[in-house]
PDB file of N, CA and C in Angstrom:
ATOM      1  N   UNK A   1    -115.079 -98.076  -6.517  1.00  0.00           N
ATOM      2  CA  UNK A   1    -116.260 -98.821  -6.116  1.00  0.00           C
ATOM      3  C   UNK A   1    -116.342 -99.027  -4.636  1.00  0.00           C
ATOM      4  N   UNK A   2    -115.103 -99.166  -3.999  1.00  0.00           N
ATOM      5  CA  UNK A   2    -115.149 -99.341  -2.584  1.00  0.00           C
ATOM      6  C   UNK A   2    -115.715 -98.180  -1.874  1.00  0.00           C
ATOM      7  N   UNK A   3    -115.612 -96.907  -2.418  1.00  0.00           N
ATOM      8  CA  UNK A   3    -116.229 -95.736  -1.844  1.00  0.00           C
ATOM      9  C   UNK A   3    -117.757 -95.897  -1.833  1.00  0.00           C
ATOM     10  N   UNK A   4    -118.323 -96.727  -2.681  1.00  0.00           N
ATOM     11  CA  UNK A   4    -119.816 -96.911  -2.701  1.00  0.00           C
ATOM     12  C   UNK A   4    -120.262 -98.066  -1.889  1.00  0.00           C
ATOM     13  N   UNK A   5    -119.264 -98.723  -1.113  1.00  0.00           N
ATOM     14  CA  UNK A   5    -119.584 -99.818  -0.246  1.00  0.00           C
ATOM     15  C   UNK A   5    -119.451-101.244  -0.895  1.00  0.00           C
ATOM     16  N   UNK A   6    -118.931-101.268  -2.103  1.00  0.00           N
ATOM     17  CA  UNK A   6    -118.738-102.570  -2.659  1.00  0.00           C
ATOM     18  C   UNK A   6    -117.353-103.106  -2.284  1.00  0.00           C
ATOM     19  N   UNK A   7    -117.227-104.409  -1.953  1.00  0.00           N
ATOM     20  CA  UNK A   7    -115.926-104.931  -1.583  1.00  0.00           C
ATOM     21  C   UNK A   7    -114.899-104.915  -2.638  1.00  0.00           C
ATOM     22  N   UNK A   8    -115.224-105.083  -3.940  1.00  0.00           N
ATOM     23  CA  UNK A   8    -114.362-105.001  -5.021  1.00  0.00           C
ATOM     24  C   UNK A   8    -115.072-104.422  -6.265  1.00  0.00           C
ATOM     25  N   UNK A   9    -114.304-104.017  -7.176  1.00  0.00           N
ATOM     26  CA  UNK A   9    -114.937-103.351  -8.431  1.00  0.00           C
ATOM     27  C   UNK A   9    -115.106-104.369  -9.479  1.00  0.00           C
ATOM     28  N   UNK A  10    -115.720-104.016 -10.546  1.00  0.00           N
ATOM     29  CA  UNK A  10    -116.017-104.928 -11.691  1.00  0.00           C
ATOM     30  C   UNK A  10    -114.755-105.528 -12.333  1.00  0.00           C
ATOM     31  N   UNK A  11    -113.666-104.802 -12.424  1.00  0.00           N
ATOM     32  CA  UNK A  11    -112.461-105.355 -13.091  1.00  0.00           C
ATOM     33  C   UNK A  11    -111.748-106.288 -12.153  1.00  0.00           C
ATOM     34  N   UNK A  12    -111.747-105.964 -10.880  1.00  0.00           N
ATOM     35  CA  UNK A  12    -111.139-107.024  -9.956  1.00  0.00           C
ATOM     36  C   UNK A  12    -111.936-108.221  -9.936  1.00  0.00           C
ATOM     37  N   UNK A  13    -113.268-108.148 -10.049  1.00  0.00           N
ATOM     38  CA  UNK A  13    -114.133-109.357 -10.068  1.00  0.00           C
ATOM     39  C   UNK A  13    -113.869-110.180 -11.285  1.00  0.00           C
ATOM     40  N   UNK A  14    -113.738-109.472 -12.455  1.00  0.00           N
ATOM     41  CA  UNK A  14    -113.411-110.167 -13.682  1.00  0.00           C
ATOM     42  C   UNK A  14    -112.035-110.924 -13.601  1.00  0.00           C
ATOM     43  N   UNK A  15    -111.074-110.250 -12.975  1.00  0.00           N
ATOM     44  CA  UNK A  15    -109.740-110.863 -12.772  1.00  0.00           C
ATOM     45  C   UNK A  15    -109.907-112.172 -11.916  1.00  0.00           C
ATOM     46  N   UNK A  16    -110.722-112.066 -10.900  1.00  0.00           N
ATOM     47  CA  UNK A  16    -110.914-113.213 -10.019  1.00  0.00           C
ATOM     48  C   UNK A  16    -111.550-114.366 -10.736  1.00  0.00           C
ATOM     49  N   UNK A  17    -112.628-114.059 -11.527  1.00  0.00           N
ATOM     50  CA  UNK A  17    -113.271-115.146 -12.292  1.00  0.00           C
ATOM     51  C   UNK A  17    -112.429-115.583 -13.460  1.00  0.00           C
ATOM     52  N   UNK A  18    -111.638-114.775 -14.059  1.00  0.00           N
ATOM     53  CA  UNK A  18    -110.833-115.050 -15.099  1.00  0.00           C
ATOM     54  C   UNK A  18    -111.234-114.391 -16.393  1.00  0.00           C
ATOM     55  N   UNK A  19    -110.259-113.687 -17.041  1.00  0.00           N
ATOM     56  CA  UNK A  19    -110.466-113.043 -18.332  1.00  0.00           C
ATOM     57  C   UNK A  19    -110.778-114.123 -19.396  1.00  0.00           C
ATOM     58  N   UNK A  20    -110.128-115.194 -19.241  1.00  0.00           N
ATOM     59  CA  UNK A  20    -110.275-116.344 -20.251  1.00  0.00           C
ATOM     60  C   UNK A  20    -111.795-116.828 -20.136  1.00  0.00           C
ATOM     61  N   UNK A  21    -112.356-116.799 -18.940  1.00  0.00           N
ATOM     62  CA  UNK A  21    -113.762-117.247 -18.818  1.00  0.00           C
ATOM     63  C   UNK A  21    -114.687-116.283 -19.532  1.00  0.00           C
ATOM     64  N   UNK A  22    -114.426-114.977 -19.409  1.00  0.00           N
ATOM     65  CA  UNK A  22    -115.223-113.942 -19.971  1.00  0.00           C
ATOM     66  C   UNK A  22    -115.023-113.987 -21.474  1.00  0.00           C
ATOM     67  N   UNK A  23    -113.870-114.321 -21.987  1.00  0.00           N
ATOM     68  CA  UNK A  23    -113.637-114.447 -23.385  1.00  0.00           C
ATOM     69  C   UNK A  23    -114.401-115.567 -23.973  1.00  0.00           C
ATOM     70  N   UNK A  24    -114.390-116.731 -23.376  1.00  0.00           N
ATOM     71  CA  UNK A  24    -115.067-117.943 -23.834  1.00  0.00           C
ATOM     72  C   UNK A  24    -116.592-117.651 -23.863  1.00  0.00           C
ATOM     73  N   UNK A  25    -117.040-116.951 -22.844  1.00  0.00           N
ATOM     74  CA  UNK A  25    -118.469-116.567 -22.742  1.00  0.00           C
ATOM     75  C   UNK A  25    -118.839-115.647 -23.980  1.00  0.00           C
ATOM     76  N   UNK A  26    -117.942-114.705 -24.223  1.00  0.00           N
ATOM     77  CA  UNK A  26    -118.189-113.800 -25.273  1.00  0.00           C
ATOM     78  C   UNK A  26    -118.158-114.477 -26.652  1.00  0.00           C
ATOM     79  N   UNK A  27    -117.222-115.394 -26.804  1.00  0.00           N
ATOM     80  CA  UNK A  27    -117.153-116.139 -28.091  1.00  0.00           C
ATOM     81  C   UNK A  27    -118.451-116.998 -28.359  1.00  0.00           C
ATOM     82  N   UNK A  28    -119.012-117.526 -27.261  1.00  0.00           N
ATOM     83  CA  UNK A  28    -120.207-118.317 -27.367  1.00  0.00           C
ATOM     84  C   UNK A  28    -121.401-117.479 -27.684  1.00  0.00           C
ATOM     85  N   UNK A  29    -121.399-116.151 -27.396  1.00  0.00           N
ATOM     86  CA  UNK A  29    -122.572-115.357 -27.628  1.00  0.00           C
ATOM     87  C   UNK A  29    -122.339-114.247 -28.716  1.00  0.00           C
ATOM     88  N   UNK A  30    -121.223-114.389 -29.481  1.00  0.00           N
ATOM     89  CA  UNK A  30    -120.782-113.341 -30.417  1.00  0.00           C
ATOM     90  C   UNK A  30    -121.918-112.965 -31.324  1.00  0.00           C
ATOM     91  N   UNK A  31    -122.603-113.905 -31.808  1.00  0.00           N
ATOM     92  CA  UNK A  31    -123.678-113.664 -32.908  1.00  0.00           C
ATOM     93  C   UNK A  31    -124.867-112.999 -32.258  1.00  0.00           C
ATOM     94  N   UNK A  32    -125.030-113.082 -30.898  1.00  0.00           N
ATOM     95  CA  UNK A  32    -126.212-112.460 -30.218  1.00  0.00           C
ATOM     96  C   UNK A  32    -125.962-111.159 -29.690  1.00  0.00           C
ATOM     97  N   UNK A  33    -124.640-110.732 -29.786  1.00  0.00           N
ATOM     98  CA  UNK A  33    -124.302-109.352 -29.225  1.00  0.00           C
ATOM     99  C   UNK A  33    -124.746-108.278 -30.140  1.00  0.00           C
ATOM    100  N   UNK A  34    -125.112-107.187 -29.539  1.00  0.00           N
ATOM    101  CA  UNK A  34    -125.511-105.938 -30.337  1.00  0.00           C
ATOM    102  C   UNK A  34    -124.217-105.485 -31.104  1.00  0.00           C
ATOM    103  N   UNK A  35    -124.407-104.556 -31.973  1.00  0.00           N
ATOM    104  CA  UNK A  35    -123.265-103.949 -32.825  1.00  0.00           C
ATOM    105  C   UNK A  35    -122.333-103.316 -31.828  1.00  0.00           C
ATOM    106  N   UNK A  36    -122.923-102.597 -30.801  1.00  0.00           N
ATOM    107  CA  UNK A  36    -122.012-101.839 -29.897  1.00  0.00           C
ATOM    108  C   UNK A  36    -121.228-102.883 -29.064  1.00  0.00           C
ATOM    109  N   UNK A  37    -121.843-103.928 -28.618  1.00  0.00           N
ATOM    110  CA  UNK A  37    -121.137-104.940 -27.821  1.00  0.00           C
ATOM    111  C   UNK A  37    -120.072-105.689 -28.700  1.00  0.00           C
ATOM    112  N   UNK A  38    -120.352-105.897 -29.906  1.00  0.00           N
ATOM    113  CA  UNK A  38    -119.307-106.499 -30.726  1.00  0.00           C
ATOM    114  C   UNK A  38    -118.121-105.660 -30.944  1.00  0.00           C
ATOM    115  N   UNK A  39    -118.267-104.269 -30.961  1.00  0.00           N
ATOM    116  CA  UNK A  39    -117.190-103.346 -31.066  1.00  0.00           C
ATOM    117  C   UNK A  39    -116.283-103.322 -29.835  1.00  0.00           C
ATOM    118  N   UNK A  40    -116.862-103.767 -28.741  1.00  0.00           N
ATOM    119  CA  UNK A  40    -116.153-103.725 -27.482  1.00  0.00           C
ATOM    120  C   UNK A  40    -115.230-104.941 -27.302  1.00  0.00           C
ATOM    121  N   UNK A  41    -114.027-104.779 -27.742  1.00  0.00           N
ATOM    122  CA  UNK A  41    -113.148-105.926 -27.891  1.00  0.00           C
ATOM    123  C   UNK A  41    -112.044-105.938 -26.849  1.00  0.00           C
ATOM    124  N   UNK A  42    -112.216-105.205 -25.680  1.00  0.00           N
ATOM    125  CA  UNK A  42    -111.161-105.202 -24.693  1.00  0.00           C
ATOM    126  C   UNK A  42    -110.885-106.538 -24.031  1.00  0.00           C
ATOM    127  N   UNK A  43    -111.962-107.381 -23.858  1.00  0.00           N
ATOM    128  CA  UNK A  43    -111.724-108.712 -23.367  1.00  0.00           C
ATOM    129  C   UNK A  43    -110.890-109.557 -24.404  1.00  0.00           C
ATOM    130  N   UNK A  44    -111.172-109.360 -25.649  1.00  0.00           N
ATOM    131  CA  UNK A  44    -110.407-110.077 -26.718  1.00  0.00           C
ATOM    132  C   UNK A  44    -108.859-109.694 -26.637  1.00  0.00           C
ATOM    133  N   UNK A  45    -108.640-108.371 -26.419  1.00  0.00           N
ATOM    134  CA  UNK A  45    -107.287-107.863 -26.371  1.00  0.00           C
ATOM    135  C   UNK A  45    -106.492-108.435 -25.181  1.00  0.00           C
ATOM    136  N   UNK A  46    -107.209-108.426 -24.020  1.00  0.00           N
ATOM    137  CA  UNK A  46    -106.606-108.966 -22.798  1.00  0.00           C
ATOM    138  C   UNK A  46    -106.225-110.420 -22.956  1.00  0.00           C
ATOM    139  N   UNK A  47    -107.214-111.111 -23.484  1.00  0.00           N
ATOM    140  CA  UNK A  47    -107.139-112.587 -23.703  1.00  0.00           C
ATOM    141  C   UNK A  47    -105.960-112.889 -24.636  1.00  0.00           C
ATOM    142  N   UNK A  48    -105.868-112.159 -25.785  1.00  0.00           N
ATOM    143  CA  UNK A  48    -104.836-112.393 -26.735  1.00  0.00           C
ATOM    144  C   UNK A  48    -103.438-112.044 -26.155  1.00  0.00           C
ATOM    145  N   UNK A  49    -103.366-111.074 -25.279  1.00  0.00           N
ATOM    146  CA  UNK A  49    -102.124-110.769 -24.596  1.00  0.00           C
ATOM    147  C   UNK A  49    -101.683-111.690 -23.476  1.00  0.00           C
ATOM    148  N   UNK A  50    -102.548-112.769 -23.248  1.00  0.00           N
ATOM    149  CA  UNK A  50    -102.260-113.756 -22.164  1.00  0.00           C
ATOM    150  C   UNK A  50    -102.544-113.279 -20.816  1.00  0.00           C
ATOM    151  N   UNK A  51    -103.289-112.148 -20.660  1.00  0.00           N
ATOM    152  CA  UNK A  51    -103.627-111.581 -19.431  1.00  0.00           C
ATOM    153  C   UNK A  51    -104.983-112.164 -18.960  1.00  0.00           C
ATOM    154  N   UNK A  52    -104.896-113.340 -18.315  1.00  0.00           N
ATOM    155  CA  UNK A  52    -106.149-114.098 -17.963  1.00  0.00           C
ATOM    156  C   UNK A  52    -106.628-113.826 -16.578  1.00  0.00           C
ATOM    157  N   UNK A  53    -106.034-112.894 -15.803  1.00  0.00           N
ATOM    158  CA  UNK A  53    -106.453-112.570 -14.470  1.00  0.00           C
ATOM    159  C   UNK A  53    -105.507-112.962 -13.412  1.00  0.00           C
ATOM    160  N   UNK A  54    -106.026-113.164 -12.214  1.00  0.00           N
ATOM    161  CA  UNK A  54    -105.133-113.526 -11.106  1.00  0.00           C
ATOM    162  C   UNK A  54    -104.432-114.771 -11.316  1.00  0.00           C
ATOM    163  N   UNK A  55    -104.970-115.706 -11.980  1.00  0.00           N
ATOM    164  CA  UNK A  55    -104.212-117.062 -12.142  1.00  0.00           C
ATOM    165  C   UNK A  55    -103.033-116.958 -12.963  1.00  0.00           C
ATOM    166  N   UNK A  56    -102.871-115.825 -13.809  1.00  0.00           N
ATOM    167  CA  UNK A  56    -101.643-115.720 -14.564  1.00  0.00           C
ATOM    168  C   UNK A  56    -100.822-114.587 -13.964  1.00  0.00           C
ATOM    169  N   UNK A  57    -101.266-113.811 -12.956  1.00  0.00           N
ATOM    170  CA  UNK A  57    -100.599-112.753 -12.385  1.00  0.00           C
ATOM    171  C   UNK A  57    -100.848-111.357 -13.103  1.00  0.00           C
ATOM    172  N   UNK A  58    -101.576-111.444 -14.200  1.00  0.00           N
ATOM    173  CA  UNK A  58    -101.929-110.252 -15.019  1.00  0.00           C
ATOM    174  C   UNK A  58    -103.334-110.371 -15.606  1.00  0.00           C
ATOM    175  N   UNK A  59    -104.060-109.248 -15.413  1.00  0.00           N
ATOM    176  CA  UNK A  59    -105.416-109.197 -16.059  1.00  0.00           C
ATOM    177  C   UNK A  59    -105.648-107.685 -16.224  1.00  0.00           C
ATOM    178  N   UNK A  60    -106.758-107.213 -15.737  1.00  0.00           N
ATOM    179  CA  UNK A  60    -106.899-105.737 -15.694  1.00  0.00           C
ATOM    180  C   UNK A  60    -105.909-105.157 -14.779  1.00  0.00           C
ATOM    181  N   UNK A  61    -105.535-105.877 -13.729  1.00  0.00           N
ATOM    182  CA  UNK A  61    -104.561-105.428 -12.730  1.00  0.00           C
ATOM    183  C   UNK A  61    -103.312-106.444 -12.758  1.00  0.00           C
ATOM    184  N   UNK A  62    -102.260-105.916 -12.172  1.00  0.00           N
ATOM    185  CA  UNK A  62    -101.023-106.774 -12.047  1.00  0.00           C
ATOM    186  C   UNK A  62    -101.003-107.337 -10.647  1.00  0.00           C
ATOM    187  N   UNK A  63    -100.736-108.595 -10.536  1.00  0.00           N
ATOM    188  CA  UNK A  63    -100.772-109.289  -9.231  1.00  0.00           C
ATOM    189  C   UNK A  63     -99.418-109.714  -8.723  1.00  0.00           C
ATOM    190  N   UNK A  64     -98.389-109.280  -9.354  1.00  0.00           N
ATOM    191  CA  UNK A  64     -97.048-109.677  -8.890  1.00  0.00           C
ATOM    192  C   UNK A  64     -96.438-108.552  -8.050  1.00  0.00           C
ATOM    193  N   UNK A  65     -95.512-108.927  -7.178  1.00  0.00           N
ATOM    194  CA  UNK A  65     -94.911-107.852  -6.330  1.00  0.00           C
ATOM    195  C   UNK A  65     -94.293-106.802  -7.149  1.00  0.00           C
ATOM    196  N   UNK A  66     -94.408-105.461  -6.745  1.00  0.00           N
ATOM    197  CA  UNK A  66     -93.806-104.448  -7.420  1.00  0.00           C
ATOM    198  C   UNK A  66     -94.601-103.799  -8.555  1.00  0.00           C
ATOM    199  N   UNK A  67     -95.759-104.353  -8.868  1.00  0.00           N
ATOM    200  CA  UNK A  67     -96.639-103.839  -9.933  1.00  0.00           C
ATOM    201  C   UNK A  67     -97.333-102.566  -9.466  1.00  0.00           C
ATOM    202  N   UNK A  68     -97.789-101.838 -10.499  1.00  0.00           N
ATOM    203  CA  UNK A  68     -98.515-100.573 -10.189  1.00  0.00           C
ATOM    204  C   UNK A  68    -100.003-100.654 -10.127  1.00  0.00           C
ATOM    205  N   UNK A  69    -100.564-101.837 -10.086  1.00  0.00           N
ATOM    206  CA  UNK A  69    -102.056-101.981  -9.938  1.00  0.00           C
ATOM    207  C   UNK A  69    -102.692-102.018 -11.343  1.00  0.00           C
ATOM    208  N   UNK A  70    -103.594-101.126 -11.600  1.00  0.00           N
ATOM    209  CA  UNK A  70    -104.360-101.153 -12.890  1.00  0.00           C
ATOM    210  C   UNK A  70    -103.425-101.048 -14.103  1.00  0.00           C
ATOM    211  N   UNK A  71    -103.421-102.050 -14.894  1.00  0.00           N
ATOM    212  CA  UNK A  71    -102.452-102.030 -16.025  1.00  0.00           C
ATOM    213  C   UNK A  71    -103.099-102.239 -17.501  1.00  0.00           C
ATOM    214  N   UNK A  72    -104.409-102.389 -17.499  1.00  0.00           N
ATOM    215  CA  UNK A  72    -105.000-102.807 -18.738  1.00  0.00           C
ATOM    216  C   UNK A  72    -105.041-101.699 -19.789  1.00  0.00           C
ATOM    217  N   UNK A  73    -104.941-100.430 -19.386  1.00  0.00           N
ATOM    218  CA  UNK A  73    -105.112 -99.319 -20.314  1.00  0.00           C
ATOM    219  C   UNK A  73    -104.197 -99.466 -21.459  1.00  0.00           C
ATOM    220  N   UNK A  74    -102.952 -99.836 -21.243  1.00  0.00           N
ATOM    221  CA  UNK A  74    -101.951 -99.965 -22.333  1.00  0.00           C
ATOM    222  C   UNK A  74    -102.329-101.010 -23.350  1.00  0.00           C
ATOM    223  N   UNK A  75    -102.926-102.073 -22.819  1.00  0.00           N
ATOM    224  CA  UNK A  75    -103.284-103.241 -23.706  1.00  0.00           C
ATOM    225  C   UNK A  75    -104.486-102.873 -24.611  1.00  0.00           C
ATOM    226  N   UNK A  76    -105.504-102.169 -24.051  1.00  0.00           N
ATOM    227  CA  UNK A  76    -106.739-101.955 -24.804  1.00  0.00           C
ATOM    228  C   UNK A  76    -106.694-100.596 -25.537  1.00  0.00           C
ATOM    229  N   UNK A  77    -105.684 -99.776 -25.230  1.00  0.00           N
ATOM    230  CA  UNK A  77    -105.561 -98.513 -26.025  1.00  0.00           C
ATOM    231  C   UNK A  77    -106.475 -97.408 -25.394  1.00  0.00           C
ATOM    232  N   UNK A  78    -106.755 -97.507 -24.107  1.00  0.00           N
ATOM    233  CA  UNK A  78    -107.645 -96.514 -23.523  1.00  0.00           C
ATOM    234  C   UNK A  78    -107.235 -96.363 -22.059  1.00  0.00           C
ATOM    235  N   UNK A  79    -107.559 -95.283 -21.470  1.00  0.00           N
ATOM    236  CA  UNK A  79    -107.240 -95.004 -20.065  1.00  0.00           C
ATOM    237  C   UNK A  79    -107.932 -95.994 -19.196  1.00  0.00           C
ATOM    238  N   UNK A  80    -109.130 -96.433 -19.651  1.00  0.00           N
ATOM    239  CA  UNK A  80    -109.918 -97.419 -18.861  1.00  0.00           C
ATOM    240  C   UNK A  80    -110.681 -98.269 -19.899  1.00  0.00           C
ATOM    241  N   UNK A  81    -110.731 -99.575 -19.747  1.00  0.00           N
ATOM    242  CA  UNK A  81    -111.541-100.377 -20.621  1.00  0.00           C
ATOM    243  C   UNK A  81    -113.024 -99.937 -20.597  1.00  0.00           C
ATOM    244  N   UNK A  82    -113.476 -99.344 -19.590  1.00  0.00           N
ATOM    245  CA  UNK A  82    -114.873 -98.914 -19.553  1.00  0.00           C
ATOM    246  C   UNK A  82    -115.105 -97.776 -20.550  1.00  0.00           C
ATOM    247  N   UNK A  83    -114.076 -96.936 -20.786  1.00  0.00           N
ATOM    248  CA  UNK A  83    -114.189 -95.883 -21.716  1.00  0.00           C
ATOM    249  C   UNK A  83    -114.371 -96.401 -23.135  1.00  0.00           C
ATOM    250  N   UNK A  84    -113.690 -97.472 -23.467  1.00  0.00           N
ATOM    251  CA  UNK A  84    -113.842 -98.093 -24.810  1.00  0.00           C
ATOM    252  C   UNK A  84    -115.254 -98.662 -24.887  1.00  0.00           C
ATOM    253  N   UNK A  85    -115.699 -99.319 -23.833  1.00  0.00           N
ATOM    254  CA  UNK A  85    -116.979 -99.978 -23.855  1.00  0.00           C
ATOM    255  C   UNK A  85    -118.164 -98.989 -24.117  1.00  0.00           C
ATOM    256  N   UNK A  86    -118.015 -97.760 -23.524  1.00  0.00           N
ATOM    257  CA  UNK A  86    -119.038 -96.761 -23.587  1.00  0.00           C
ATOM    258  C   UNK A  86    -119.066 -95.985 -24.983  1.00  0.00           C
ATOM    259  N   UNK A  87    -118.139 -96.235 -25.831  1.00  0.00           N
ATOM    260  CA  UNK A  87    -117.968 -95.400 -27.090  1.00  0.00           C
ATOM    261  C   UNK A  87    -119.273 -95.797 -27.968  1.00  0.00           C
ATOM    262  N   UNK A  88    -119.788 -94.781 -28.566  1.00  0.00           N
ATOM    263  CA  UNK A  88    -121.009 -95.036 -29.409  1.00  0.00           C
ATOM    264  C   UNK A  88    -120.723 -95.822 -30.650  1.00  0.00           C
TER     265      UNK A  88
END
């Protein structure tokens, strides 16, 4: 995203705001979500794993010294959470 002039990407932004905040928002709107959005459970998986973003040191990215950066793929079972979101 930085290549397009954005200061941060959507996953970094989510980590800053908090995965737990996104999860609570999702739970409040669950009945209003489309079938496709309901299948998209990567926020649920990150939340269940305790990866709440920068405040816990883990979210989509790892924020502790020595980490490799983007780490959510192993949790959600995809190379990128966006790939799972886009599944039909």
